[in-house]
């Protein structure tokens, strides 16, 4: 058992789940505030860098995700990998 001050601080501290939720909301807000043109350029640069990685270049299959609005756009990476004959693995959604 801690001091009354420690117990009061712990009672006011968010749970891990609450802290994660707050961080997610903060990150979403920051992504929404990005200039769309900048985000598109950054996404294209990230896709080019990923496609150039030796493990990606050498792989027969590559696992990806479909980006949602506000996330790094990776449709260009998927298209480039398909043109290169890669098998694309995507998560299943119900």
PDB file of N, CA and C in Angstrom:
ATOM      1  N   UNK A   1       0.841  -1.172   0.000  1.00  0.00           N
ATOM      2  CA  UNK A   1       0.000   0.000   0.000  1.00  0.00           C
ATOM      3  C   UNK A   1       0.887   1.237   0.000  1.00  0.00           C
ATOM      4  N   UNK A   2       0.567   2.229  -0.792  1.00  0.00           N
ATOM      5  CA  UNK A   2       1.374   3.430  -0.896  1.00  0.00           C
ATOM      6  C   UNK A   2       0.862   4.528   0.010  1.00  0.00           C
ATOM      7  N   UNK A   3       1.525   5.646  -0.096  1.00  0.00           N
ATOM      8  CA  UNK A   3       1.122   6.812   0.680  1.00  0.00           C
ATOM      9  C   UNK A   3      -0.218   7.327   0.152  1.00  0.00           C
ATOM     10  N   UNK A   4      -0.898   8.160   0.921  1.00  0.00           N
ATOM     11  CA  UNK A   4      -2.162   8.736   0.426  1.00  0.00           C
ATOM     12  C   UNK A   4      -1.974   9.498  -0.883  1.00  0.00           C
ATOM     13  N   UNK A   5      -0.825  10.170  -1.014  1.00  0.00           N
ATOM     14  CA  UNK A   5      -0.558  10.907  -2.254  1.00  0.00           C
ATOM     15  C   UNK A   5      -0.437   9.949  -3.439  1.00  0.00           C
ATOM     16  N   UNK A   6       0.274   8.828  -3.237  1.00  0.00           N
ATOM     17  CA  UNK A   6       0.433   7.837  -4.306  1.00  0.00           C
ATOM     18  C   UNK A   6      -0.911   7.214  -4.668  1.00  0.00           C
ATOM     19  N   UNK A   7      -1.712   6.907  -3.662  1.00  0.00           N
ATOM     20  CA  UNK A   7      -3.017   6.306  -3.921  1.00  0.00           C
ATOM     21  C   UNK A   7      -3.922   7.278  -4.673  1.00  0.00           C
ATOM     22  N   UNK A   8      -3.864   8.553  -4.313  1.00  0.00           N
ATOM     23  CA  UNK A   8      -4.671   9.556  -5.014  1.00  0.00           C
ATOM     24  C   UNK A   8      -4.214   9.686  -6.457  1.00  0.00           C
ATOM     25  N   UNK A   9      -2.892   9.674  -6.686  1.00  0.00           N
ATOM     26  CA  UNK A   9      -2.356   9.768  -8.043  1.00  0.00           C
ATOM     27  C   UNK A   9      -2.766   8.549  -8.855  1.00  0.00           C
ATOM     28  N   UNK A  10      -2.652   7.361  -8.259  1.00  0.00           N
ATOM     29  CA  UNK A  10      -3.026   6.136  -8.967  1.00  0.00           C
ATOM     30  C   UNK A  10      -4.512   6.100  -9.267  1.00  0.00           C
ATOM     31  N   UNK A  11      -5.341   6.616  -8.372  1.00  0.00           N
ATOM     32  CA  UNK A  11      -6.782   6.632  -8.601  1.00  0.00           C
ATOM     33  C   UNK A  11      -7.134   7.547  -9.764  1.00  0.00           C
ATOM     34  N   UNK A  12      -6.339   8.592  -9.988  1.00  0.00           N
ATOM     35  CA  UNK A  12      -6.601   9.544 -11.052  1.00  0.00           C
ATOM     36  C   UNK A  12      -5.950   9.143 -12.374  1.00  0.00           C
ATOM     37  N   UNK A  13      -4.980   8.239 -12.328  1.00  0.00           N
ATOM     38  CA  UNK A  13      -4.257   7.835 -13.530  1.00  0.00           C
ATOM     39  C   UNK A  13      -5.184   7.015 -14.423  1.00  0.00           C
ATOM     40  N   UNK A  14      -5.108   7.240 -15.728  1.00  0.00           N
ATOM     41  CA  UNK A  14      -5.947   6.447 -16.631  1.00  0.00           C
ATOM     42  C   UNK A  14      -5.475   4.998 -16.671  1.00  0.00           C
ATOM     43  N   UNK A  15      -6.395   4.107 -16.972  1.00  0.00           N
ATOM     44  CA  UNK A  15      -6.018   2.715 -17.161  1.00  0.00           C
ATOM     45  C   UNK A  15      -5.223   2.611 -18.461  1.00  0.00           C
ATOM     46  N   UNK A  16      -4.585   1.496 -18.662  1.00  0.00           N
ATOM     47  CA  UNK A  16      -3.841   1.279 -19.904  1.00  0.00           C
ATOM     48  C   UNK A  16      -4.771   1.398 -21.105  1.00  0.00           C
ATOM     49  N   UNK A  17      -5.950   0.831 -21.004  1.00  0.00           N
ATOM     50  CA  UNK A  17      -6.915   0.905 -22.099  1.00  0.00           C
ATOM     51  C   UNK A  17      -7.311   2.356 -22.377  1.00  0.00           C
ATOM     52  N   UNK A  18      -7.548   3.130 -21.330  1.00  0.00           N
ATOM     53  CA  UNK A  18      -7.900   4.541 -21.505  1.00  0.00           C
ATOM     54  C   UNK A  18      -6.745   5.320 -22.124  1.00  0.00           C
ATOM     55  N   UNK A  19      -5.531   5.015 -21.694  1.00  0.00           N
ATOM     56  CA  UNK A  19      -4.354   5.701 -22.242  1.00  0.00           C
ATOM     57  C   UNK A  19      -4.183   5.368 -23.724  1.00  0.00           C
ATOM     58  N   UNK A  20      -4.407   4.106 -24.093  1.00  0.00           N
ATOM     59  CA  UNK A  20      -4.316   3.713 -25.501  1.00  0.00           C
ATOM     60  C   UNK A  20      -5.377   4.414 -26.332  1.00  0.00           C
ATOM     61  N   UNK A  21      -6.601   4.463 -25.815  1.00  0.00           N
ATOM     62  CA  UNK A  21      -7.678   5.153 -26.533  1.00  0.00           C
ATOM     63  C   UNK A  21      -7.347   6.622 -26.736  1.00  0.00           C
ATOM     64  N   UNK A  22      -6.836   7.262 -25.704  1.00  0.00           N
ATOM     65  CA  UNK A  22      -6.473   8.680 -25.810  1.00  0.00           C
ATOM     66  C   UNK A  22      -5.372   8.881 -26.847  1.00  0.00           C
ATOM     67  N   UNK A  23      -4.394   7.980 -26.863  1.00  0.00           N
ATOM     68  CA  UNK A  23      -3.316   8.072 -27.839  1.00  0.00           C
ATOM     69  C   UNK A  23      -3.852   7.872 -29.251  1.00  0.00           C
ATOM     70  N   UNK A  24      -4.750   6.919 -29.447  1.00  0.00           N
ATOM     71  CA  UNK A  24      -5.351   6.699 -30.771  1.00  0.00           C
ATOM     72  C   UNK A  24      -6.088   7.944 -31.255  1.00  0.00           C
ATOM     73  N   UNK A  25      -6.892   8.539 -30.372  1.00  0.00           N
ATOM     74  CA  UNK A  25      -7.627   9.760 -30.737  1.00  0.00           C
ATOM     75  C   UNK A  25      -6.661  10.874 -31.103  1.00  0.00           C
ATOM     76  N   UNK A  26      -5.581  11.022 -30.333  1.00  0.00           N
ATOM     77  CA  UNK A  26      -4.597  12.077 -30.588  1.00  0.00           C
ATOM     78  C   UNK A  26      -3.916  11.851 -31.940  1.00  0.00           C
ATOM     79  N   UNK A  27      -3.525  10.617 -32.231  1.00  0.00           N
ATOM     80  CA  UNK A  27      -2.857  10.314 -33.498  1.00  0.00           C
ATOM     81  C   UNK A  27      -3.804  10.534 -34.675  1.00  0.00           C
ATOM     82  N   UNK A  28      -5.064  10.150 -34.525  1.00  0.00           N
ATOM     83  CA  UNK A  28      -6.038  10.392 -35.599  1.00  0.00           C
ATOM     84  C   UNK A  28      -6.190  11.884 -35.867  1.00  0.00           C
ATOM     85  N   UNK A  29      -6.248  12.659 -34.797  1.00  0.00           N
ATOM     86  CA  UNK A  29      -6.383  14.112 -34.956  1.00  0.00           C
ATOM     87  C   UNK A  29      -5.161  14.693 -35.659  1.00  0.00           C
ATOM     88  N   UNK A  30      -3.983  14.214 -35.302  1.00  0.00           N
ATOM     89  CA  UNK A  30      -2.767  14.698 -35.960  1.00  0.00           C
ATOM     90  C   UNK A  30      -2.751  14.321 -37.434  1.00  0.00           C
ATOM     91  N   UNK A  31      -3.176  13.086 -37.766  1.00  0.00           N
ATOM     92  CA  UNK A  31      -3.212  12.675 -39.175  1.00  0.00           C
ATOM     93  C   UNK A  31      -4.222  13.503 -39.964  1.00  0.00           C
ATOM     94  N   UNK A  32      -5.383  13.779 -39.363  1.00  0.00           N
ATOM     95  CA  UNK A  32      -6.391  14.596 -40.056  1.00  0.00           C
ATOM     96  C   UNK A  32      -5.879  16.011 -40.314  1.00  0.00           C
ATOM     97  N   UNK A  33      -4.974  16.485 -39.479  1.00  0.00           N
ATOM     98  CA  UNK A  33      -4.460  17.848 -39.626  1.00  0.00           C
ATOM     99  C   UNK A  33      -3.369  17.956 -40.691  1.00  0.00           C
ATOM    100  N   UNK A  34      -2.872  16.824 -41.184  1.00  0.00           N
ATOM    101  CA  UNK A  34      -1.816  16.856 -42.201  1.00  0.00           C
ATOM    102  C   UNK A  34      -2.341  17.408 -43.517  1.00  0.00           C
ATOM    103  N   UNK A  35      -1.496  18.115 -44.202  1.00  0.00           N
ATOM    104  CA  UNK A  35      -1.825  18.591 -45.538  1.00  0.00           C
ATOM    105  C   UNK A  35      -1.966  17.372 -46.454  1.00  0.00           C
ATOM    106  N   UNK A  36      -3.090  17.209 -47.143  1.00  0.00           N
ATOM    107  CA  UNK A  36      -3.295  16.022 -47.982  1.00  0.00           C
ATOM    108  C   UNK A  36      -2.215  15.843 -49.047  1.00  0.00           C
ATOM    109  N   UNK A  37      -1.740  16.923 -49.640  1.00  0.00           N
ATOM    110  CA  UNK A  37      -0.686  16.804 -50.662  1.00  0.00           C
ATOM    111  C   UNK A  37       0.599  16.275 -50.040  1.00  0.00           C
ATOM    112  N   UNK A  38       0.908  16.764 -48.849  1.00  0.00           N
ATOM    113  CA  UNK A  38       2.116  16.278 -48.159  1.00  0.00           C
ATOM    114  C   UNK A  38       1.966  14.802 -47.832  1.00  0.00           C
ATOM    115  N   UNK A  39       0.798  14.399 -47.318  1.00  0.00           N
ATOM    116  CA  UNK A  39       0.568  13.001 -46.958  1.00  0.00           C
ATOM    117  C   UNK A  39       0.694  12.097 -48.181  1.00  0.00           C
ATOM    118  N   UNK A  40       0.207  12.565 -49.317  1.00  0.00           N
ATOM    119  CA  UNK A  40       0.307  11.782 -50.551  1.00  0.00           C
ATOM    120  C   UNK A  40       1.771  11.610 -50.960  1.00  0.00           C
ATOM    121  N   UNK A  41       2.542  12.683 -50.885  1.00  0.00           N
ATOM    122  CA  UNK A  41       3.983  12.591 -51.214  1.00  0.00           C
ATOM    123  C   UNK A  41       4.712  11.685 -50.229  1.00  0.00           C
ATOM    124  N   UNK A  42       4.406  11.827 -48.950  1.00  0.00           N
ATOM    125  CA  UNK A  42       5.048  10.985 -47.935  1.00  0.00           C
ATOM    126  C   UNK A  42       4.684   9.524 -48.150  1.00  0.00           C
ATOM    127  N   UNK A  43       3.419   9.261 -48.494  1.00  0.00           N
ATOM    128  CA  UNK A  43       3.000   7.889 -48.768  1.00  0.00           C
ATOM    129  C   UNK A  43       3.716   7.302 -49.964  1.00  0.00           C
ATOM    130  N   UNK A  44       3.864   8.111 -51.019  1.00  0.00           N
ATOM    131  CA  UNK A  44       4.576   7.632 -52.212  1.00  0.00           C
ATOM    132  C   UNK A  44       6.035   7.328 -51.883  1.00  0.00           C
ATOM    133  N   UNK A  45       6.655   8.174 -51.071  1.00  0.00           N
ATOM    134  CA  UNK A  45       8.054   7.938 -50.687  1.00  0.00           C
ATOM    135  C   UNK A  45       8.172   6.677 -49.827  1.00  0.00           C
ATOM    136  N   UNK A  46       7.229   6.488 -48.907  1.00  0.00           N
ATOM    137  CA  UNK A  46       7.251   5.286 -48.065  1.00  0.00           C
ATOM    138  C   UNK A  46       7.049   4.028 -48.902  1.00  0.00           C
ATOM    139  N   UNK A  47       6.144   4.097 -49.876  1.00  0.00           N
ATOM    140  CA  UNK A  47       5.899   2.946 -50.753  1.00  0.00           C
ATOM    141  C   UNK A  47       7.136   2.612 -51.579  1.00  0.00           C
ATOM    142  N   UNK A  48       7.791   3.632 -52.113  1.00  0.00           N
ATOM    143  CA  UNK A  48       9.007   3.409 -52.904  1.00  0.00           C
ATOM    144  C   UNK A  48      10.101   2.790 -52.038  1.00  0.00           C
ATOM    145  N   UNK A  49      10.236   3.294 -50.822  1.00  0.00           N
ATOM    146  CA  UNK A  49      11.261   2.753 -49.919  1.00  0.00           C
ATOM    147  C   UNK A  49      10.956   1.298 -49.568  1.00  0.00           C
ATOM    148  N   UNK A  50       9.691   0.991 -49.296  1.00  0.00           N
ATOM    149  CA  UNK A  50       9.317  -0.383 -48.954  1.00  0.00           C
ATOM    150  C   UNK A  50       9.543  -1.329 -50.128  1.00  0.00           C
ATOM    151  N   UNK A  51       9.165  -0.893 -51.326  1.00  0.00           N
ATOM    152  CA  UNK A  51       9.328  -1.741 -52.514  1.00  0.00           C
ATOM    153  C   UNK A  51      10.794  -2.024 -52.801  1.00  0.00           C
ATOM    154  N   UNK A  52      11.683  -1.121 -52.398  1.00  0.00           N
ATOM    155  CA  UNK A  52      13.110  -1.283 -52.669  1.00  0.00           C
ATOM    156  C   UNK A  52      13.829  -2.157 -51.636  1.00  0.00           C
ATOM    157  N   UNK A  53      13.167  -2.511 -50.567  1.00  0.00           N
ATOM    158  CA  UNK A  53      13.808  -3.343 -49.544  1.00  0.00           C
ATOM    159  C   UNK A  53      14.122  -4.721 -50.110  1.00  0.00           C
ATOM    160  N   UNK A  54      15.326  -5.225 -49.897  1.00  0.00           N
ATOM    161  CA  UNK A  54      15.669  -6.549 -50.433  1.00  0.00           C
ATOM    162  C   UNK A  54      14.681  -7.653 -50.059  1.00  0.00           C
ATOM    163  N   UNK A  55      14.222  -7.754 -48.807  1.00  0.00           N
ATOM    164  CA  UNK A  55      13.264  -8.834 -48.511  1.00  0.00           C
ATOM    165  C   UNK A  55      11.967  -8.713 -49.306  1.00  0.00           C
ATOM    166  N   UNK A  56      11.524  -7.499 -49.572  1.00  0.00           N
ATOM    167  CA  UNK A  56      10.307  -7.303 -50.365  1.00  0.00           C
ATOM    168  C   UNK A  56      10.590  -7.647 -51.821  1.00  0.00           C
ATOM    169  N   UNK A  57      11.718  -7.170 -52.305  1.00  0.00           N
ATOM    170  CA  UNK A  57      12.101  -7.435 -53.697  1.00  0.00           C
ATOM    171  C   UNK A  57      12.235  -8.931 -53.956  1.00  0.00           C
ATOM    172  N   UNK A  58      12.771  -9.661 -52.979  1.00  0.00           N
ATOM    173  CA  UNK A  58      13.034 -11.093 -53.147  1.00  0.00           C
ATOM    174  C   UNK A  58      11.815 -11.970 -52.845  1.00  0.00           C
ATOM    175  N   UNK A  59      10.813 -11.427 -52.171  1.00  0.00           N
ATOM    176  CA  UNK A  59       9.668 -12.229 -51.726  1.00  0.00           C
ATOM    177  C   UNK A  59       8.748 -12.595 -52.884  1.00  0.00           C
ATOM    178  N   UNK A  60       8.162 -13.767 -52.784  1.00  0.00           N
ATOM    179  CA  UNK A  60       7.131 -14.169 -53.739  1.00  0.00           C
ATOM    180  C   UNK A  60       5.776 -13.628 -53.290  1.00  0.00           C
ATOM    181  N   UNK A  61       5.593 -13.504 -51.956  1.00  0.00           N
ATOM    182  CA  UNK A  61       4.344 -13.012 -51.375  1.00  0.00           C
ATOM    183  C   UNK A  61       4.656 -11.885 -50.400  1.00  0.00           C
ATOM    184  N   UNK A  62       3.764 -10.904 -50.347  1.00  0.00           N
ATOM    185  CA  UNK A  62       3.937  -9.770 -49.441  1.00  0.00           C
ATOM    186  C   UNK A  62       2.609  -9.510 -48.740  1.00  0.00           C
ATOM    187  N   UNK A  63       2.653  -9.408 -47.407  1.00  0.00           N
ATOM    188  CA  UNK A  63       1.461  -9.090 -46.630  1.00  0.00           C
ATOM    189  C   UNK A  63       1.314  -7.578 -46.541  1.00  0.00           C
ATOM    190  N   UNK A  64       0.128  -7.090 -46.848  1.00  0.00           N
ATOM    191  CA  UNK A  64      -0.173  -5.660 -46.795  1.00  0.00           C
ATOM    192  C   UNK A  64      -1.498  -5.450 -46.083  1.00  0.00           C
ATOM    193  N   UNK A  65      -1.872  -4.200 -45.967  1.00  0.00           N
ATOM    194  CA  UNK A  65      -3.189  -3.825 -45.491  1.00  0.00           C
ATOM    195  C   UNK A  65      -3.728  -2.785 -46.451  1.00  0.00           C
ATOM    196  N   UNK A  66      -5.001  -2.598 -46.471  1.00  0.00           N
ATOM    197  CA  UNK A  66      -5.602  -1.533 -47.269  1.00  0.00           C
ATOM    198  C   UNK A  66      -5.746  -0.336 -46.350  1.00  0.00           C
ATOM    199  N   UNK A  67      -5.090   0.741 -46.691  1.00  0.00           N
ATOM    200  CA  UNK A  67      -5.110   1.910 -45.817  1.00  0.00           C
ATOM    201  C   UNK A  67      -6.482   2.571 -45.810  1.00  0.00           C
ATOM    202  N   UNK A  68      -6.819   3.104 -44.666  1.00  0.00           N
ATOM    203  CA  UNK A  68      -8.060   3.835 -44.471  1.00  0.00           C
ATOM    204  C   UNK A  68      -7.783   5.321 -44.621  1.00  0.00           C
ATOM    205  N   UNK A  69      -8.807   6.125 -44.806  1.00  0.00           N
ATOM    206  CA  UNK A  69      -8.584   7.575 -44.868  1.00  0.00           C
ATOM    207  C   UNK A  69      -7.825   8.050 -43.630  1.00  0.00           C
ATOM    208  N   UNK A  70      -6.826   8.861 -43.857  1.00  0.00           N
ATOM    209  CA  UNK A  70      -6.011   9.363 -42.760  1.00  0.00           C
ATOM    210  C   UNK A  70      -4.796   8.509 -42.461  1.00  0.00           C
ATOM    211  N   UNK A  71      -4.674   7.354 -43.104  1.00  0.00           N
ATOM    212  CA  UNK A  71      -3.495   6.504 -42.942  1.00  0.00           C
ATOM    213  C   UNK A  71      -2.575   6.698 -44.137  1.00  0.00           C
ATOM    214  N   UNK A  72      -1.358   6.204 -44.007  1.00  0.00           N
ATOM    215  CA  UNK A  72      -0.409   6.291 -45.113  1.00  0.00           C
ATOM    216  C   UNK A  72      -1.010   5.581 -46.316  1.00  0.00           C
ATOM    217  N   UNK A  73      -1.153   6.274 -47.442  1.00  0.00           N
ATOM    218  CA  UNK A  73      -1.728   5.634 -48.625  1.00  0.00           C
ATOM    219  C   UNK A  73      -0.731   4.647 -49.239  1.00  0.00           C
ATOM    220  N   UNK A  74      -1.119   3.384 -49.327  1.00  0.00           N
ATOM    221  CA  UNK A  74      -0.191   2.384 -49.861  1.00  0.00           C
ATOM    222  C   UNK A  74      -0.720   1.690 -51.112  1.00  0.00           C
ATOM    223  N   UNK A  75      -1.747   2.235 -51.710  1.00  0.00           N
ATOM    224  CA  UNK A  75      -2.284   1.619 -52.932  1.00  0.00           C
ATOM    225  C   UNK A  75      -1.208   1.540 -54.007  1.00  0.00           C
ATOM    226  N   UNK A  76      -0.329   2.527 -54.066  1.00  0.00           N
ATOM    227  CA  UNK A  76       0.752   2.505 -55.050  1.00  0.00           C
ATOM    228  C   UNK A  76       1.705   1.346 -54.833  1.00  0.00           C
ATOM    229  N   UNK A  77       1.957   1.015 -53.576  1.00  0.00           N
ATOM    230  CA  UNK A  77       2.830  -0.120 -53.269  1.00  0.00           C
ATOM    231  C   UNK A  77       2.169  -1.418 -53.713  1.00  0.00           C
ATOM    232  N   UNK A  78       0.898  -1.565 -53.389  1.00  0.00           N
ATOM    233  CA  UNK A  78       0.201  -2.779 -53.808  1.00  0.00           C
ATOM    234  C   UNK A  78       0.224  -2.913 -55.324  1.00  0.00           C
ATOM    235  N   UNK A  79      -0.035  -1.831 -56.038  1.00  0.00           N
ATOM    236  CA  UNK A  79      -0.048  -1.868 -57.506  1.00  0.00           C
ATOM    237  C   UNK A  79       1.332  -2.238 -58.048  1.00  0.00           C
ATOM    238  N   UNK A  80       2.380  -1.646 -57.490  1.00  0.00           N
ATOM    239  CA  UNK A  80       3.745  -1.937 -57.954  1.00  0.00           C
ATOM    240  C   UNK A  80       4.110  -3.393 -57.689  1.00  0.00           C
ATOM    241  N   UNK A  81       3.722  -3.902 -56.538  1.00  0.00           N
ATOM    242  CA  UNK A  81       4.041  -5.293 -56.221  1.00  0.00           C
ATOM    243  C   UNK A  81       3.265  -6.256 -57.118  1.00  0.00           C
ATOM    244  N   UNK A  82       2.034  -5.928 -57.415  1.00  0.00           N
ATOM    245  CA  UNK A  82       1.256  -6.782 -58.330  1.00  0.00           C
ATOM    246  C   UNK A  82       1.887  -6.776 -59.725  1.00  0.00           C
ATOM    247  N   UNK A  83       2.329  -5.581 -60.189  1.00  0.00           N
ATOM    248  CA  UNK A  83       2.992  -5.504 -61.505  1.00  0.00           C
ATOM    249  C   UNK A  83       4.273  -6.338 -61.516  1.00  0.00           C
ATOM    250  N   UNK A  84       4.917  -6.439 -60.366  1.00  0.00           N
ATOM    251  CA  UNK A  84       6.148  -7.228 -60.262  1.00  0.00           C
ATOM    252  C   UNK A  84       5.856  -8.711 -60.089  1.00  0.00           C
ATOM    253  N   UNK A  85       4.580  -9.091 -60.099  1.00  0.00           N
ATOM    254  CA  UNK A  85       4.209 -10.501 -60.009  1.00  0.00           C
ATOM    255  C   UNK A  85       4.158 -11.042 -58.589  1.00  0.00           C
ATOM    256  N   UNK A  86       4.124 -10.165 -57.597  1.00  0.00           N
ATOM    257  CA  UNK A  86       4.058 -10.622 -56.208  1.00  0.00           C
ATOM    258  C   UNK A  86       2.636 -11.057 -55.866  1.00  0.00           C
ATOM    259  N   UNK A  87       2.553 -12.038 -54.993  1.00  0.00           N
ATOM    260  CA  UNK A  87       1.265 -12.453 -54.433  1.00  0.00           C
ATOM    261  C   UNK A  87       1.014 -11.555 -53.231  1.00  0.00           C
ATOM    262  N   UNK A  88      -0.142 -10.893 -53.184  1.00  0.00           N
ATOM    263  CA  UNK A  88      -0.467  -9.960 -52.120  1.00  0.00           C
ATOM    264  C   UNK A  88      -1.389 -10.643 -51.111  1.00  0.00           C
ATOM    265  N   UNK A  89      -1.007 -10.602 -49.845  1.00  0.00           N
ATOM    266  CA  UNK A  89      -1.810 -11.184 -48.774  1.00  0.00           C
ATOM    267  C   UNK A  89      -2.430 -10.039 -47.975  1.00  0.00           C
ATOM    268  N   UNK A  90      -3.750 -10.056 -47.865  1.00  0.00           N
ATOM    269  CA  UNK A  90      -4.478  -9.003 -47.154  1.00  0.00           C
ATOM    270  C   UNK A  90      -5.280  -9.621 -46.018  1.00  0.00           C
ATOM    271  N   UNK A  91      -5.453  -8.893 -44.911  1.00  0.00           N
ATOM    272  CA  UNK A  91      -6.268  -9.444 -43.823  1.00  0.00           C
ATOM    273  C   UNK A  91      -7.720  -9.553 -44.254  1.00  0.00           C
ATOM    274  N   UNK A  92      -8.390 -10.541 -43.710  1.00  0.00           N
ATOM    275  CA  UNK A  92      -9.810 -10.741 -43.987  1.00  0.00           C
ATOM    276  C   UNK A  92     -10.632  -9.868 -43.058  1.00  0.00           C
ATOM    277  N   UNK A  93     -11.695  -9.277 -43.593  1.00  0.00           N
ATOM    278  CA  UNK A  93     -12.605  -8.458 -42.794  1.00  0.00           C
ATOM    279  C   UNK A  93     -13.989  -9.068 -42.870  1.00  0.00           C
ATOM    280  N   UNK A  94     -14.650  -9.134 -41.747  1.00  0.00           N
ATOM    281  CA  UNK A  94     -16.039  -9.627 -41.716  1.00  0.00           C
ATOM    282  C   UNK A  94     -16.990  -8.468 -41.803  1.00  0.00           C
TER     283      UNK A  94
END
